[in-house]
């Protein structure tokens, strides 16, 4: 994990956990590692992980059961995947518009890359 960008660390960790849910590394209904385990894994303070948990709860991705732990909501995987893909695509389009490309140019460039194979 590279904590070099402008996004808060707890958001970066939350995004990493979301990606693990989407790709099936963490399954719906599964209990997440404890705050301390995540703090050691990510080499951050437990407070940062606590903020990550609060962030994921506020997004409806996990639920915390007092005294038991945090669990991935069972119905979240498909919606999470759709939301993340949509967000990535929207960010990409905005960045391309800032580079001066039209929608038609963006479509053509994407088509060309897909036909040529991703590098």
PDB file of N, CA and C in Angstrom:
ATOM      1  N   UNK A   1       0.847  -1.170   0.000  1.00  0.00           N
ATOM      2  CA  UNK A   1       0.000   0.000   0.000  1.00  0.00           C
ATOM      3  C   UNK A   1       0.891   1.232   0.000  1.00  0.00           C
ATOM      4  N   UNK A   2       0.559   2.164  -0.868  1.00  0.00           N
ATOM      5  CA  UNK A   2       1.357   3.368  -1.018  1.00  0.00           C
ATOM      6  C   UNK A   2       0.555   4.565  -0.526  1.00  0.00           C
ATOM      7  N   UNK A   3       0.979   5.116   0.577  1.00  0.00           N
ATOM      8  CA  UNK A   3       0.267   6.244   1.161  1.00  0.00           C
ATOM      9  C   UNK A   3       0.883   7.567   0.714  1.00  0.00           C
ATOM     10  N   UNK A   4       1.113   7.720  -0.570  1.00  0.00           N
ATOM     11  CA  UNK A   4       1.794   8.899  -1.083  1.00  0.00           C
ATOM     12  C   UNK A   4       0.862   9.929  -1.711  1.00  0.00           C
ATOM     13  N   UNK A   5      -0.406   9.602  -1.919  1.00  0.00           N
ATOM     14  CA  UNK A   5      -1.261  10.573  -2.609  1.00  0.00           C
ATOM     15  C   UNK A   5      -1.997  11.482  -1.629  1.00  0.00           C
ATOM     16  N   UNK A   6      -2.826  12.372  -2.164  1.00  0.00           N
ATOM     17  CA  UNK A   6      -3.501  13.391  -1.363  1.00  0.00           C
ATOM     18  C   UNK A   6      -4.721  12.866  -0.604  1.00  0.00           C
ATOM     19  N   UNK A   7      -5.154  11.676  -0.921  1.00  0.00           N
ATOM     20  CA  UNK A   7      -6.345  11.111  -0.279  1.00  0.00           C
ATOM     21  C   UNK A   7      -6.002  10.653   1.141  1.00  0.00           C
ATOM     22  N   UNK A   8      -6.898  10.900   2.107  1.00  0.00           N
ATOM     23  CA  UNK A   8      -6.614  10.455   3.478  1.00  0.00           C
ATOM     24  C   UNK A   8      -6.330   8.954   3.542  1.00  0.00           C
ATOM     25  N   UNK A   9      -5.447   8.569   4.452  1.00  0.00           N
ATOM     26  CA  UNK A   9      -5.039   7.168   4.572  1.00  0.00           C
ATOM     27  C   UNK A   9      -6.224   6.263   4.866  1.00  0.00           C
ATOM     28  N   UNK A  10      -7.151   6.703   5.731  1.00  0.00           N
ATOM     29  CA  UNK A  10      -8.284   5.841   6.060  1.00  0.00           C
ATOM     30  C   UNK A  10      -9.167   5.573   4.841  1.00  0.00           C
ATOM     31  N   UNK A  11      -9.252   6.530   3.919  1.00  0.00           N
ATOM     32  CA  UNK A  11     -10.002   6.322   2.669  1.00  0.00           C
ATOM     33  C   UNK A  11      -9.253   5.339   1.777  1.00  0.00           C
ATOM     34  N   UNK A  12      -7.925   5.467   1.699  1.00  0.00           N
ATOM     35  CA  UNK A  12      -7.126   4.550   0.889  1.00  0.00           C
ATOM     36  C   UNK A  12      -7.269   3.117   1.400  1.00  0.00           C
ATOM     37  N   UNK A  13      -7.240   2.954   2.727  1.00  0.00           N
ATOM     38  CA  UNK A  13      -7.410   1.619   3.303  1.00  0.00           C
ATOM     39  C   UNK A  13      -8.821   1.115   3.031  1.00  0.00           C
ATOM     40  N   UNK A  14      -9.807   2.002   3.162  1.00  0.00           N
ATOM     41  CA  UNK A  14     -11.193   1.623   2.857  1.00  0.00           C
ATOM     42  C   UNK A  14     -11.359   1.180   1.416  1.00  0.00           C
ATOM     43  N   UNK A  15     -10.710   1.869   0.505  1.00  0.00           N
ATOM     44  CA  UNK A  15     -10.768   1.497  -0.915  1.00  0.00           C
ATOM     45  C   UNK A  15     -10.126   0.127  -1.131  1.00  0.00           C
ATOM     46  N   UNK A  16      -9.017  -0.121  -0.466  1.00  0.00           N
ATOM     47  CA  UNK A  16      -8.354  -1.425  -0.551  1.00  0.00           C
ATOM     48  C   UNK A  16      -9.302  -2.533  -0.073  1.00  0.00           C
ATOM     49  N   UNK A  17      -9.985  -2.308   1.044  1.00  0.00           N
ATOM     50  CA  UNK A  17     -10.924  -3.301   1.572  1.00  0.00           C
ATOM     51  C   UNK A  17     -12.098  -3.487   0.614  1.00  0.00           C
ATOM     52  N   UNK A  18     -12.597  -2.391   0.044  1.00  0.00           N
ATOM     53  CA  UNK A  18     -13.685  -2.487  -0.945  1.00  0.00           C
ATOM     54  C   UNK A  18     -13.250  -3.346  -2.133  1.00  0.00           C
ATOM     55  N   UNK A  19     -12.034  -3.128  -2.613  1.00  0.00           N
ATOM     56  CA  UNK A  19     -11.522  -3.912  -3.743  1.00  0.00           C
ATOM     57  C   UNK A  19     -11.431  -5.395  -3.383  1.00  0.00           C
ATOM     58  N   UNK A  20     -11.045  -5.681  -2.145  1.00  0.00           N
ATOM     59  CA  UNK A  20     -10.980  -7.080  -1.711  1.00  0.00           C
ATOM     60  C   UNK A  20     -12.369  -7.707  -1.670  1.00  0.00           C
ATOM     61  N   UNK A  21     -13.374  -6.929  -1.316  1.00  0.00           N
ATOM     62  CA  UNK A  21     -14.752  -7.431  -1.321  1.00  0.00           C
ATOM     63  C   UNK A  21     -15.198  -7.692  -2.749  1.00  0.00           C
ATOM     64  N   UNK A  22     -14.904  -6.764  -3.645  1.00  0.00           N
ATOM     65  CA  UNK A  22     -15.306  -6.909  -5.045  1.00  0.00           C
ATOM     66  C   UNK A  22     -14.658  -8.132  -5.679  1.00  0.00           C
ATOM     67  N   UNK A  23     -13.369  -8.349  -5.431  1.00  0.00           N
ATOM     68  CA  UNK A  23     -12.693  -9.469  -6.094  1.00  0.00           C
ATOM     69  C   UNK A  23     -12.853 -10.795  -5.353  1.00  0.00           C
ATOM     70  N   UNK A  24     -13.575 -10.779  -4.232  1.00  0.00           N
ATOM     71  CA  UNK A  24     -13.880 -12.023  -3.532  1.00  0.00           C
ATOM     72  C   UNK A  24     -12.867 -12.459  -2.494  1.00  0.00           C
ATOM     73  N   UNK A  25     -11.808 -11.675  -2.289  1.00  0.00           N
ATOM     74  CA  UNK A  25     -10.831 -12.009  -1.258  1.00  0.00           C
ATOM     75  C   UNK A  25     -11.495 -11.971   0.116  1.00  0.00           C
ATOM     76  N   UNK A  26     -12.361 -10.977   0.307  1.00  0.00           N
ATOM     77  CA  UNK A  26     -13.205 -10.911   1.502  1.00  0.00           C
ATOM     78  C   UNK A  26     -14.631 -11.133   1.018  1.00  0.00           C
ATOM     79  N   UNK A  27     -15.305 -12.092   1.592  1.00  0.00           N
ATOM     80  CA  UNK A  27     -16.642 -12.472   1.124  1.00  0.00           C
ATOM     81  C   UNK A  27     -17.745 -11.794   1.938  1.00  0.00           C
ATOM     82  N   UNK A  28     -18.904 -11.573   1.298  1.00  0.00           N
ATOM     83  CA  UNK A  28     -20.051 -11.041   2.027  1.00  0.00           C
ATOM     84  C   UNK A  28     -20.367 -11.920   3.241  1.00  0.00           C
ATOM     85  N   UNK A  29     -20.651 -11.274   4.359  1.00  0.00           N
ATOM     86  CA  UNK A  29     -20.938 -11.983   5.594  1.00  0.00           C
ATOM     87  C   UNK A  29     -19.713 -12.317   6.412  1.00  0.00           C
ATOM     88  N   UNK A  30     -18.550 -12.175   5.821  1.00  0.00           N
ATOM     89  CA  UNK A  30     -17.299 -12.535   6.495  1.00  0.00           C
ATOM     90  C   UNK A  30     -16.906 -11.483   7.523  1.00  0.00           C
ATOM     91  N   UNK A  31     -16.322 -11.945   8.611  1.00  0.00           N
ATOM     92  CA  UNK A  31     -15.815 -11.055   9.654  1.00  0.00           C
ATOM     93  C   UNK A  31     -14.473 -10.483   9.204  1.00  0.00           C
ATOM     94  N   UNK A  32     -14.319  -9.177   9.378  1.00  0.00           N
ATOM     95  CA  UNK A  32     -13.056  -8.526   9.042  1.00  0.00           C
ATOM     96  C   UNK A  32     -12.048  -8.742  10.163  1.00  0.00           C
ATOM     97  N   UNK A  33     -10.760  -8.640   9.846  1.00  0.00           N
ATOM     98  CA  UNK A  33      -9.753  -8.677  10.905  1.00  0.00           C
ATOM     99  C   UNK A  33     -10.031  -7.561  11.919  1.00  0.00           C
ATOM    100  N   UNK A  34      -9.500  -7.731  13.116  1.00  0.00           N
ATOM    101  CA  UNK A  34      -9.705  -6.735  14.164  1.00  0.00           C
ATOM    102  C   UNK A  34      -8.972  -5.438  13.823  1.00  0.00           C
ATOM    103  N   UNK A  35      -9.331  -4.377  14.544  1.00  0.00           N
ATOM    104  CA  UNK A  35      -8.671  -3.093  14.367  1.00  0.00           C
ATOM    105  C   UNK A  35      -7.165  -3.246  14.583  1.00  0.00           C
ATOM    106  N   UNK A  36      -6.781  -3.974  15.600  1.00  0.00           N
ATOM    107  CA  UNK A  36      -5.348  -4.155  15.875  1.00  0.00           C
ATOM    108  C   UNK A  36      -4.656  -4.939  14.768  1.00  0.00           C
ATOM    109  N   UNK A  37      -5.319  -5.982  14.264  1.00  0.00           N
ATOM    110  CA  UNK A  37      -4.719  -6.773  13.179  1.00  0.00           C
ATOM    111  C   UNK A  37      -4.524  -5.911  11.939  1.00  0.00           C
ATOM    112  N   UNK A  38      -5.541  -5.126  11.589  1.00  0.00           N
ATOM    113  CA  UNK A  38      -5.415  -4.233  10.436  1.00  0.00           C
ATOM    114  C   UNK A  38      -4.349  -3.169  10.679  1.00  0.00           C
ATOM    115  N   UNK A  39      -4.261  -2.647  11.895  1.00  0.00           N
ATOM    116  CA  UNK A  39      -3.256  -1.624  12.201  1.00  0.00           C
ATOM    117  C   UNK A  39      -1.846  -2.169  11.979  1.00  0.00           C
ATOM    118  N   UNK A  40      -1.614  -3.400  12.398  1.00  0.00           N
ATOM    119  CA  UNK A  40      -0.305  -4.032  12.183  1.00  0.00           C
ATOM    120  C   UNK A  40      -0.087  -4.274  10.691  1.00  0.00           C
ATOM    121  N   UNK A  41      -1.100  -4.803  10.016  1.00  0.00           N
ATOM    122  CA  UNK A  41      -0.986  -5.120   8.592  1.00  0.00           C
ATOM    123  C   UNK A  41      -0.657  -3.877   7.759  1.00  0.00           C
ATOM    124  N   UNK A  42      -1.380  -2.777   8.007  1.00  0.00           N
ATOM    125  CA  UNK A  42      -1.185  -1.556   7.227  1.00  0.00           C
ATOM    126  C   UNK A  42      -0.114  -0.630   7.802  1.00  0.00           C
ATOM    127  N   UNK A  43       0.414  -0.994   8.974  1.00  0.00           N
ATOM    128  CA  UNK A  43       1.429  -0.191   9.654  1.00  0.00           C
ATOM    129  C   UNK A  43       0.935   1.231   9.912  1.00  0.00           C
ATOM    130  N   UNK A  44      -0.267   1.317  10.482  1.00  0.00           N
ATOM    131  CA  UNK A  44      -0.871   2.589  10.860  1.00  0.00           C
ATOM    132  C   UNK A  44      -1.394   2.465  12.289  1.00  0.00           C
ATOM    133  N   UNK A  45      -1.862   3.560  12.836  1.00  0.00           N
ATOM    134  CA  UNK A  45      -2.382   3.523  14.200  1.00  0.00           C
ATOM    135  C   UNK A  45      -3.778   2.885  14.222  1.00  0.00           C
ATOM    136  N   UNK A  46      -4.148   2.301  15.340  1.00  0.00           N
ATOM    137  CA  UNK A  46      -5.507   1.770  15.478  1.00  0.00           C
ATOM    138  C   UNK A  46      -6.574   2.841  15.237  1.00  0.00           C
ATOM    139  N   UNK A  47      -6.278   4.092  15.574  1.00  0.00           N
ATOM    140  CA  UNK A  47      -7.223   5.180  15.334  1.00  0.00           C
ATOM    141  C   UNK A  47      -7.529   5.329  13.843  1.00  0.00           C
ATOM    142  N   UNK A  48      -6.508   5.181  13.007  1.00  0.00           N
ATOM    143  CA  UNK A  48      -6.713   5.261  11.554  1.00  0.00           C
ATOM    144  C   UNK A  48      -7.640   4.143  11.091  1.00  0.00           C
ATOM    145  N   UNK A  49      -7.449   2.940  11.609  1.00  0.00           N
ATOM    146  CA  UNK A  49      -8.310   1.810  11.240  1.00  0.00           C
ATOM    147  C   UNK A  49      -9.720   2.037  11.769  1.00  0.00           C
ATOM    148  N   UNK A  50      -9.831   2.598  12.956  1.00  0.00           N
ATOM    149  CA  UNK A  50     -11.157   2.904  13.506  1.00  0.00           C
ATOM    150  C   UNK A  50     -11.889   3.875  12.583  1.00  0.00           C
ATOM    151  N   UNK A  51     -11.181   4.875  12.069  1.00  0.00           N
ATOM    152  CA  UNK A  51     -11.789   5.813  11.109  1.00  0.00           C
ATOM    153  C   UNK A  51     -12.187   5.086   9.824  1.00  0.00           C
ATOM    154  N   UNK A  52     -11.373   4.136   9.406  1.00  0.00           N
ATOM    155  CA  UNK A  52     -11.701   3.343   8.218  1.00  0.00           C
ATOM    156  C   UNK A  52     -12.996   2.566   8.447  1.00  0.00           C
ATOM    157  N   UNK A  53     -13.112   1.949   9.609  1.00  0.00           N
ATOM    158  CA  UNK A  53     -14.323   1.182   9.937  1.00  0.00           C
ATOM    159  C   UNK A  53     -15.542   2.104   9.945  1.00  0.00           C
ATOM    160  N   UNK A  54     -15.408   3.272  10.540  1.00  0.00           N
ATOM    161  CA  UNK A  54     -16.520   4.234  10.558  1.00  0.00           C
ATOM    162  C   UNK A  54     -16.904   4.644   9.137  1.00  0.00           C
ATOM    163  N   UNK A  55     -15.906   4.868   8.305  1.00  0.00           N
ATOM    164  CA  UNK A  55     -16.134   5.239   6.907  1.00  0.00           C
ATOM    165  C   UNK A  55     -16.884   4.131   6.167  1.00  0.00           C
ATOM    166  N   UNK A  56     -16.438   2.883   6.324  1.00  0.00           N
ATOM    167  CA  UNK A  56     -17.093   1.760   5.651  1.00  0.00           C
ATOM    168  C   UNK A  56     -18.513   1.535   6.182  1.00  0.00           C
ATOM    169  N   UNK A  57     -18.712   1.768   7.467  1.00  0.00           N
ATOM    170  CA  UNK A  57     -20.060   1.663   8.037  1.00  0.00           C
ATOM    171  C   UNK A  57     -20.968   2.748   7.471  1.00  0.00           C
ATOM    172  N   UNK A  58     -20.457   3.962   7.376  1.00  0.00           N
ATOM    173  CA  UNK A  58     -21.271   5.067   6.862  1.00  0.00           C
ATOM    174  C   UNK A  58     -21.657   4.851   5.402  1.00  0.00           C
ATOM    175  N   UNK A  59     -20.840   4.101   4.679  1.00  0.00           N
ATOM    176  CA  UNK A  59     -21.140   3.788   3.282  1.00  0.00           C
ATOM    177  C   UNK A  59     -22.045   2.559   3.149  1.00  0.00           C
ATOM    178  N   UNK A  60     -22.363   1.916   4.274  1.00  0.00           N
ATOM    179  CA  UNK A  60     -23.234   0.752   4.252  1.00  0.00           C
ATOM    180  C   UNK A  60     -22.553  -0.520   3.776  1.00  0.00           C
ATOM    181  N   UNK A  61     -21.235  -0.566   3.846  1.00  0.00           N
ATOM    182  CA  UNK A  61     -20.480  -1.710   3.340  1.00  0.00           C
ATOM    183  C   UNK A  61     -20.275  -2.764   4.415  1.00  0.00           C
ATOM    184  N   UNK A  62     -20.069  -2.306   5.639  1.00  0.00           N
ATOM    185  CA  UNK A  62     -19.885  -3.241   6.747  1.00  0.00           C
ATOM    186  C   UNK A  62     -20.852  -2.876   7.866  1.00  0.00           C
ATOM    187  N   UNK A  63     -21.016  -3.813   8.780  1.00  0.00           N
ATOM    188  CA  UNK A  63     -21.770  -3.540   9.995  1.00  0.00           C
ATOM    189  C   UNK A  63     -20.967  -4.075  11.165  1.00  0.00           C
ATOM    190  N   UNK A  64     -20.967  -3.320  12.250  1.00  0.00           N
ATOM    191  CA  UNK A  64     -20.209  -3.719  13.422  1.00  0.00           C
ATOM    192  C   UNK A  64     -21.173  -4.202  14.492  1.00  0.00           C
ATOM    193  N   UNK A  65     -20.852  -5.358  15.032  1.00  0.00           N
ATOM    194  CA  UNK A  65     -21.636  -5.928  16.123  1.00  0.00           C
ATOM    195  C   UNK A  65     -20.811  -5.785  17.393  1.00  0.00           C
ATOM    196  N   UNK A  66     -21.333  -5.011  18.319  1.00  0.00           N
ATOM    197  CA  UNK A  66     -20.598  -4.688  19.540  1.00  0.00           C
ATOM    198  C   UNK A  66     -20.102  -5.949  20.239  1.00  0.00           C
ATOM    199  N   UNK A  67     -18.808  -5.959  20.530  1.00  0.00           N
ATOM    200  CA  UNK A  67     -18.194  -7.072  21.235  1.00  0.00           C
ATOM    201  C   UNK A  67     -17.878  -8.273  20.361  1.00  0.00           C
ATOM    202  N   UNK A  68     -18.291  -8.239  19.090  1.00  0.00           N
ATOM    203  CA  UNK A  68     -18.060  -9.380  18.189  1.00  0.00           C
ATOM    204  C   UNK A  68     -17.104  -9.012  17.062  1.00  0.00           C
ATOM    205  N   UNK A  69     -17.339  -7.868  16.422  1.00  0.00           N
ATOM    206  CA  UNK A  69     -16.478  -7.449  15.326  1.00  0.00           C
ATOM    207  C   UNK A  69     -17.245  -6.820  14.189  1.00  0.00           C
ATOM    208  N   UNK A  70     -16.553  -6.556  13.103  1.00  0.00           N
ATOM    209  CA  UNK A  70     -17.144  -5.947  11.912  1.00  0.00           C
ATOM    210  C   UNK A  70     -17.281  -6.999  10.820  1.00  0.00           C
ATOM    211  N   UNK A  71     -18.411  -6.952  10.124  1.00  0.00           N
ATOM    212  CA  UNK A  71     -18.733  -7.935   9.099  1.00  0.00           C
ATOM    213  C   UNK A  71     -19.133  -7.237   7.810  1.00  0.00           C
ATOM    214  N   UNK A  72     -18.786  -7.854   6.683  1.00  0.00           N
ATOM    215  CA  UNK A  72     -19.195  -7.351   5.376  1.00  0.00           C
ATOM    216  C   UNK A  72     -20.690  -7.636   5.226  1.00  0.00           C
ATOM    217  N   UNK A  73     -21.427  -6.619   4.836  1.00  0.00           N
ATOM    218  CA  UNK A  73     -22.866  -6.809   4.631  1.00  0.00           C
ATOM    219  C   UNK A  73     -23.077  -7.820   3.509  1.00  0.00           C
ATOM    220  N   UNK A  74     -24.038  -8.694   3.684  1.00  0.00           N
ATOM    221  CA  UNK A  74     -24.210  -9.807   2.748  1.00  0.00           C
ATOM    222  C   UNK A  74     -24.656  -9.374   1.361  1.00  0.00           C
ATOM    223  N   UNK A  75     -25.381  -8.278   1.245  1.00  0.00           N
ATOM    224  CA  UNK A  75     -25.938  -7.880  -0.050  1.00  0.00           C
ATOM    225  C   UNK A  75     -25.107  -6.830  -0.775  1.00  0.00           C
ATOM    226  N   UNK A  76     -23.913  -6.549  -0.321  1.00  0.00           N
ATOM    227  CA  UNK A  76     -23.177  -5.377  -0.782  1.00  0.00           C
ATOM    228  C   UNK A  76     -22.270  -5.604  -1.998  1.00  0.00           C
ATOM    229  N   UNK A  77     -21.826  -6.807  -2.269  1.00  0.00           N
ATOM    230  CA  UNK A  77     -20.772  -7.026  -3.263  1.00  0.00           C
ATOM    231  C   UNK A  77     -21.130  -6.487  -4.654  1.00  0.00           C
ATOM    232  N   UNK A  78     -22.291  -6.821  -5.170  1.00  0.00           N
ATOM    233  CA  UNK A  78     -22.650  -6.389  -6.523  1.00  0.00           C
ATOM    234  C   UNK A  78     -22.808  -4.877  -6.604  1.00  0.00           C
ATOM    235  N   UNK A  79     -23.489  -4.272  -5.628  1.00  0.00           N
ATOM    236  CA  UNK A  79     -23.678  -2.820  -5.622  1.00  0.00           C
ATOM    237  C   UNK A  79     -22.338  -2.110  -5.493  1.00  0.00           C
ATOM    238  N   UNK A  80     -21.482  -2.620  -4.634  1.00  0.00           N
ATOM    239  CA  UNK A  80     -20.159  -2.025  -4.439  1.00  0.00           C
ATOM    240  C   UNK A  80     -19.372  -2.054  -5.744  1.00  0.00           C
ATOM    241  N   UNK A  81     -19.419  -3.168  -6.439  1.00  0.00           N
ATOM    242  CA  UNK A  81     -18.719  -3.303  -7.707  1.00  0.00           C
ATOM    243  C   UNK A  81     -19.239  -2.286  -8.727  1.00  0.00           C
ATOM    244  N   UNK A  82     -20.558  -2.191  -8.857  1.00  0.00           N
ATOM    245  CA  UNK A  82     -21.153  -1.242  -9.798  1.00  0.00           C
ATOM    246  C   UNK A  82     -20.768   0.197  -9.450  1.00  0.00           C
ATOM    247  N   UNK A  83     -20.827   0.539  -8.160  1.00  0.00           N
ATOM    248  CA  UNK A  83     -20.507   1.905  -7.730  1.00  0.00           C
ATOM    249  C   UNK A  83     -19.043   2.250  -7.986  1.00  0.00           C
ATOM    250  N   UNK A  84     -18.143   1.316  -7.683  1.00  0.00           N
ATOM    251  CA  UNK A  84     -16.716   1.596  -7.874  1.00  0.00           C
ATOM    252  C   UNK A  84     -16.376   1.723  -9.356  1.00  0.00           C
ATOM    253  N   UNK A  85     -16.923   0.849 -10.182  1.00  0.00           N
ATOM    254  CA  UNK A  85     -16.652   0.914 -11.621  1.00  0.00           C
ATOM    255  C   UNK A  85     -17.190   2.224 -12.182  1.00  0.00           C
ATOM    256  N   UNK A  86     -18.397   2.587 -11.785  1.00  0.00           N
ATOM    257  CA  UNK A  86     -18.993   3.832 -12.258  1.00  0.00           C
ATOM    258  C   UNK A  86     -18.144   5.032 -11.848  1.00  0.00           C
ATOM    259  N   UNK A  87     -17.672   5.045 -10.615  1.00  0.00           N
ATOM    260  CA  UNK A  87     -16.839   6.147 -10.133  1.00  0.00           C
ATOM    261  C   UNK A  87     -15.530   6.254 -10.886  1.00  0.00           C
ATOM    262  N   UNK A  88     -14.908   5.113 -11.152  1.00  0.00           N
ATOM    263  CA  UNK A  88     -13.636   5.104 -11.897  1.00  0.00           C
ATOM    264  C   UNK A  88     -13.853   5.635 -13.308  1.00  0.00           C
ATOM    265  N   UNK A  89     -14.932   5.195 -13.937  1.00  0.00           N
ATOM    266  CA  UNK A  89     -15.224   5.647 -15.303  1.00  0.00           C
ATOM    267  C   UNK A  89     -15.510   7.143 -15.325  1.00  0.00           C
ATOM    268  N   UNK A  90     -16.299   7.619 -14.363  1.00  0.00           N
ATOM    269  CA  UNK A  90     -16.611   9.050 -14.310  1.00  0.00           C
ATOM    270  C   UNK A  90     -15.347   9.879 -14.095  1.00  0.00           C
ATOM    271  N   UNK A  91     -14.474   9.437 -13.196  1.00  0.00           N
ATOM    272  CA  UNK A  91     -13.209  10.147 -12.961  1.00  0.00           C
ATOM    273  C   UNK A  91     -12.360  10.187 -14.235  1.00  0.00           C
ATOM    274  N   UNK A  92     -12.311   9.050 -14.928  1.00  0.00           N
ATOM    275  CA  UNK A  92     -11.542   8.970 -16.174  1.00  0.00           C
ATOM    276  C   UNK A  92     -12.084   9.959 -17.205  1.00  0.00           C
ATOM    277  N   UNK A  93     -13.398   9.991 -17.376  1.00  0.00           N
ATOM    278  CA  UNK A  93     -14.003  10.882 -18.371  1.00  0.00           C
ATOM    279  C   UNK A  93     -13.717  12.343 -18.032  1.00  0.00           C
ATOM    280  N   UNK A  94     -13.851  12.702 -16.767  1.00  0.00           N
ATOM    281  CA  UNK A  94     -13.562  14.079 -16.349  1.00  0.00           C
ATOM    282  C   UNK A  94     -12.109  14.431 -16.651  1.00  0.00           C
ATOM    283  N   UNK A  95     -11.192  13.509 -16.347  1.00  0.00           N
ATOM    284  CA  UNK A  95      -9.769  13.771 -16.610  1.00  0.00           C
ATOM    285  C   UNK A  95      -9.505  13.932 -18.103  1.00  0.00           C
ATOM    286  N   UNK A  96     -10.149  13.135 -18.920  1.00  0.00           N
ATOM    287  CA  UNK A  96      -9.967  13.235 -20.371  1.00  0.00           C
ATOM    288  C   UNK A  96     -10.541  14.543 -20.900  1.00  0.00           C
ATOM    289  N   UNK A  97     -11.686  14.977 -20.343  1.00  0.00           N
ATOM    290  CA  UNK A  97     -12.253  16.269 -20.740  1.00  0.00           C
ATOM    291  C   UNK A  97     -11.300  17.402 -20.358  1.00  0.00           C
ATOM    292  N   UNK A  98     -10.644  17.294 -19.211  1.00  0.00           N
ATOM    293  CA  UNK A  98      -9.669  18.307 -18.792  1.00  0.00           C
ATOM    294  C   UNK A  98      -8.468  18.338 -19.736  1.00  0.00           C
ATOM    295  N   UNK A  99      -8.206  17.220 -20.395  1.00  0.00           N
ATOM    296  CA  UNK A  99      -7.116  17.163 -21.388  1.00  0.00           C
ATOM    297  C   UNK A  99      -7.561  17.684 -22.742  1.00  0.00           C
ATOM    298  N   UNK A 100      -8.826  18.088 -22.840  1.00  0.00           N
ATOM    299  CA  UNK A 100      -9.328  18.671 -24.079  1.00  0.00           C
ATOM    300  C   UNK A 100      -9.968  17.687 -25.037  1.00  0.00           C
ATOM    301  N   UNK A 101     -10.167  16.443 -24.636  1.00  0.00           N
ATOM    302  CA  UNK A 101     -10.774  15.453 -25.521  1.00  0.00           C
ATOM    303  C   UNK A 101     -12.293  15.545 -25.485  1.00  0.00           C
ATOM    304  N   UNK A 102     -12.898  15.299 -26.636  1.00  0.00           N
ATOM    305  CA  UNK A 102     -14.358  15.231 -26.723  1.00  0.00           C
ATOM    306  C   UNK A 102     -14.801  13.804 -26.385  1.00  0.00           C
ATOM    307  N   UNK A 103     -16.095  13.620 -26.198  1.00  0.00           N
ATOM    308  CA  UNK A 103     -16.612  12.282 -25.928  1.00  0.00           C
ATOM    309  C   UNK A 103     -16.254  11.312 -27.061  1.00  0.00           C
ATOM    310  N   UNK A 104     -16.361  11.799 -28.286  1.00  0.00           N
ATOM    311  CA  UNK A 104     -16.039  10.941 -29.428  1.00  0.00           C
ATOM    312  C   UNK A 104     -14.558  10.537 -29.417  1.00  0.00           C
ATOM    313  N   UNK A 105     -13.688  11.458 -29.071  1.00  0.00           N
ATOM    314  CA  UNK A 105     -12.263  11.152 -29.006  1.00  0.00           C
ATOM    315  C   UNK A 105     -11.956  10.165 -27.870  1.00  0.00           C
ATOM    316  N   UNK A 106     -12.644  10.324 -26.765  1.00  0.00           N
ATOM    317  CA  UNK A 106     -12.458   9.402 -25.648  1.00  0.00           C
ATOM    318  C   UNK A 106     -12.880   7.999 -26.060  1.00  0.00           C
ATOM    319  N   UNK A 107     -14.049   7.892 -26.685  1.00  0.00           N
ATOM    320  CA  UNK A 107     -14.543   6.580 -27.142  1.00  0.00           C
ATOM    321  C   UNK A 107     -13.559   5.946 -28.118  1.00  0.00           C
ATOM    322  N   UNK A 108     -13.065   6.739 -29.051  1.00  0.00           N
ATOM    323  CA  UNK A 108     -12.124   6.215 -30.044  1.00  0.00           C
ATOM    324  C   UNK A 108     -10.834   5.736 -29.379  1.00  0.00           C
ATOM    325  N   UNK A 109     -10.322   6.509 -28.435  1.00  0.00           N
ATOM    326  CA  UNK A 109      -9.083   6.134 -27.758  1.00  0.00           C
ATOM    327  C   UNK A 109      -9.267   4.855 -26.942  1.00  0.00           C
ATOM    328  N   UNK A 110     -10.391   4.750 -26.250  1.00  0.00           N
ATOM    329  CA  UNK A 110     -10.662   3.540 -25.461  1.00  0.00           C
ATOM    330  C   UNK A 110     -10.808   2.335 -26.379  1.00  0.00           C
ATOM    331  N   UNK A 111     -11.545   2.497 -27.458  1.00  0.00           N
ATOM    332  CA  UNK A 111     -11.717   1.393 -28.417  1.00  0.00           C
ATOM    333  C   UNK A 111     -10.378   0.946 -28.983  1.00  0.00           C
ATOM    334  N   UNK A 112      -9.536   1.897 -29.327  1.00  0.00           N
ATOM    335  CA  UNK A 112      -8.219   1.577 -29.876  1.00  0.00           C
ATOM    336  C   UNK A 112      -7.386   0.798 -28.863  1.00  0.00           C
ATOM    337  N   UNK A 113      -7.401   1.208 -27.621  1.00  0.00           N
ATOM    338  CA  UNK A 113      -6.643   0.507 -26.577  1.00  0.00           C
ATOM    339  C   UNK A 113      -7.181  -0.908 -26.358  1.00  0.00           C
ATOM    340  N   UNK A 114      -8.509  -1.047 -26.364  1.00  0.00           N
ATOM    341  CA  UNK A 114      -9.085  -2.375 -26.149  1.00  0.00           C
ATOM    342  C   UNK A 114      -8.771  -3.315 -27.321  1.00  0.00           C
ATOM    343  N   UNK A 115      -8.793  -2.782 -28.537  1.00  0.00           N
ATOM    344  CA  UNK A 115      -8.491  -3.596 -29.709  1.00  0.00           C
ATOM    345  C   UNK A 115      -7.020  -3.999 -29.736  1.00  0.00           C
ATOM    346  N   UNK A 116      -6.158  -3.096 -29.274  1.00  0.00           N
ATOM    347  CA  UNK A 116      -4.721  -3.360 -29.281  1.00  0.00           C
ATOM    348  C   UNK A 116      -4.258  -4.201 -28.093  1.00  0.00           C
ATOM    349  N   UNK A 117      -5.149  -4.411 -27.160  1.00  0.00           N
ATOM    350  CA  UNK A 117      -4.772  -5.168 -25.961  1.00  0.00           C
ATOM    351  C   UNK A 117      -4.147  -4.257 -24.926  1.00  0.00           C
ATOM    352  N   UNK A 118      -4.485  -4.505 -23.703  1.00  0.00           N
ATOM    353  CA  UNK A 118      -3.932  -3.681 -22.620  1.00  0.00           C
ATOM    354  C   UNK A 118      -2.488  -4.066 -22.371  1.00  0.00           C
ATOM    355  N   UNK A 119      -1.687  -3.069 -22.059  1.00  0.00           N
ATOM    356  CA  UNK A 119      -0.258  -3.302 -21.854  1.00  0.00           C
ATOM    357  C   UNK A 119       0.032  -3.618 -20.415  1.00  0.00           C
TER     358      UNK A 119
END
